């Protein structure tokens, strides 16, 4: 069965390796550090948005009660 986490677990590392090593004349360390910083920024953005969405207020009661 096809599942999104499977795609991320298999395709993510392969894509990262391809992106970092695609230019043999380039600086692999600089490419890897830039990619890592970009991925961390994305993850932290998702976490912050999630935390703002879960601000601790209880949900409103359903209509009719």
C-alpha atoms as a PDB file:
ATOM      1  CA  UNK A   1       0.000   0.000   0.000  1.00  0.00           C
ATOM      2  CA  UNK A   2       1.247   3.465  -0.916  1.00  0.00           C
ATOM      3  CA  UNK A   3       1.646   5.810   2.046  1.00  0.00           C
ATOM      4  CA  UNK A   4       3.007   9.355   2.334  1.00  0.00           C
ATOM      5  CA  UNK A   5       5.415   8.562   5.204  1.00  0.00           C
ATOM      6  CA  UNK A   6       6.942   5.806   3.047  1.00  0.00           C
ATOM      7  CA  UNK A   7       7.587   8.351   0.302  1.00  0.00           C
ATOM      8  CA  UNK A   8       9.161  10.770   2.768  1.00  0.00           C
ATOM      9  CA  UNK A   9      11.314   8.095   4.400  1.00  0.00           C
ATOM     10  CA  UNK A  10      12.564   6.714   1.092  1.00  0.00           C
ATOM     11  CA  UNK A  11      12.500   9.721  -1.192  1.00  0.00           C
ATOM     12  CA  UNK A  12      13.689  12.338   1.273  1.00  0.00           C
ATOM     13  CA  UNK A  13      17.177  10.964   1.941  1.00  0.00           C
ATOM     14  CA  UNK A  14      17.659   9.977  -1.696  1.00  0.00           C
ATOM     15  CA  UNK A  15      16.654  13.438  -2.851  1.00  0.00           C
ATOM     16  CA  UNK A  16      18.953  15.064  -0.311  1.00  0.00           C
ATOM     17  CA  UNK A  17      21.911  12.934  -1.402  1.00  0.00           C
ATOM     18  CA  UNK A  18      21.166  13.695  -5.057  1.00  0.00           C
ATOM     19  CA  UNK A  19      20.885  17.447  -4.396  1.00  0.00           C
ATOM     20  CA  UNK A  20      24.069  17.661  -2.336  1.00  0.00           C
ATOM     21  CA  UNK A  21      26.217  15.587  -4.718  1.00  0.00           C
ATOM     22  CA  UNK A  22      24.781  16.745  -8.071  1.00  0.00           C
ATOM     23  CA  UNK A  23      27.673  19.126  -8.720  1.00  0.00           C
ATOM     24  CA  UNK A  24      30.961  17.208  -8.366  1.00  0.00           C
ATOM     25  CA  UNK A  25      32.973  20.445  -8.597  1.00  0.00           C
ATOM     26  CA  UNK A  26      30.919  22.158  -5.896  1.00  0.00           C
ATOM     27  CA  UNK A  27      31.515  22.311  -2.186  1.00  0.00           C
ATOM     28  CA  UNK A  28      29.590  19.392  -0.686  1.00  0.00           C
ATOM     29  CA  UNK A  29      29.858  20.745   2.866  1.00  0.00           C
ATOM     30  CA  UNK A  30      28.378  24.110   1.850  1.00  0.00           C
ATOM     31  CA  UNK A  31      25.551  22.413  -0.065  1.00  0.00           C
ATOM     32  CA  UNK A  32      24.791  20.111   2.861  1.00  0.00           C
ATOM     33  CA  UNK A  33      24.841  22.927   5.425  1.00  0.00           C
ATOM     34  CA  UNK A  34      22.555  25.103   3.320  1.00  0.00           C
ATOM     35  CA  UNK A  35      20.137  22.237   2.744  1.00  0.00           C
ATOM     36  CA  UNK A  36      20.140  21.338   6.438  1.00  0.00           C
ATOM     37  CA  UNK A  37      19.415  24.940   7.415  1.00  0.00           C
ATOM     38  CA  UNK A  38      16.530  25.073   4.926  1.00  0.00           C
ATOM     39  CA  UNK A  39      15.037  21.800   6.217  1.00  0.00           C
ATOM     40  CA  UNK A  40      15.330  22.939   9.844  1.00  0.00           C
ATOM     41  CA  UNK A  41      13.630  26.220   8.983  1.00  0.00           C
ATOM     42  CA  UNK A  42      10.767  24.290   7.404  1.00  0.00           C
ATOM     43  CA  UNK A  43      10.390  21.940  10.370  1.00  0.00           C
ATOM     44  CA  UNK A  44      10.480  24.772  12.901  1.00  0.00           C
ATOM     45  CA  UNK A  45       7.878  26.682  10.896  1.00  0.00           C
ATOM     46  CA  UNK A  46       5.522  23.695  10.959  1.00  0.00           C
ATOM     47  CA  UNK A  47       6.056  23.229  14.709  1.00  0.00           C
ATOM     48  CA  UNK A  48       5.416  26.923  15.426  1.00  0.00           C
ATOM     49  CA  UNK A  49       2.241  26.972  13.349  1.00  0.00           C
ATOM     50  CA  UNK A  50       1.047  23.870  15.168  1.00  0.00           C
ATOM     51  CA  UNK A  51       1.768  25.425  18.560  1.00  0.00           C
ATOM     52  CA  UNK A  52      -0.098  28.596  17.637  1.00  0.00           C
ATOM     53  CA  UNK A  53      -3.058  26.484  16.513  1.00  0.00           C
ATOM     54  CA  UNK A  54      -3.080  24.612  19.814  1.00  0.00           C
ATOM     55  CA  UNK A  55      -3.109  27.626  22.116  1.00  0.00           C
ATOM     56  CA  UNK A  56      -4.798  25.835  25.010  1.00  0.00           C
ATOM     57  CA  UNK A  57      -8.280  27.271  24.705  1.00  0.00           C
ATOM     58  CA  UNK A  58     -11.015  24.638  24.910  1.00  0.00           C
ATOM     59  CA  UNK A  59     -13.042  24.122  21.753  1.00  0.00           C
ATOM     60  CA  UNK A  60     -16.419  25.860  21.612  1.00  0.00           C
ATOM     61  CA  UNK A  61     -19.436  23.740  22.545  1.00  0.00           C
ATOM     62  CA  UNK A  62     -21.409  22.212  19.676  1.00  0.00           C
ATOM     63  CA  UNK A  63     -24.445  24.141  18.430  1.00  0.00           C
ATOM     64  CA  UNK A  64     -27.714  23.346  20.139  1.00  0.00           C
ATOM     65  CA  UNK A  65     -26.355  22.760  23.645  1.00  0.00           C
END
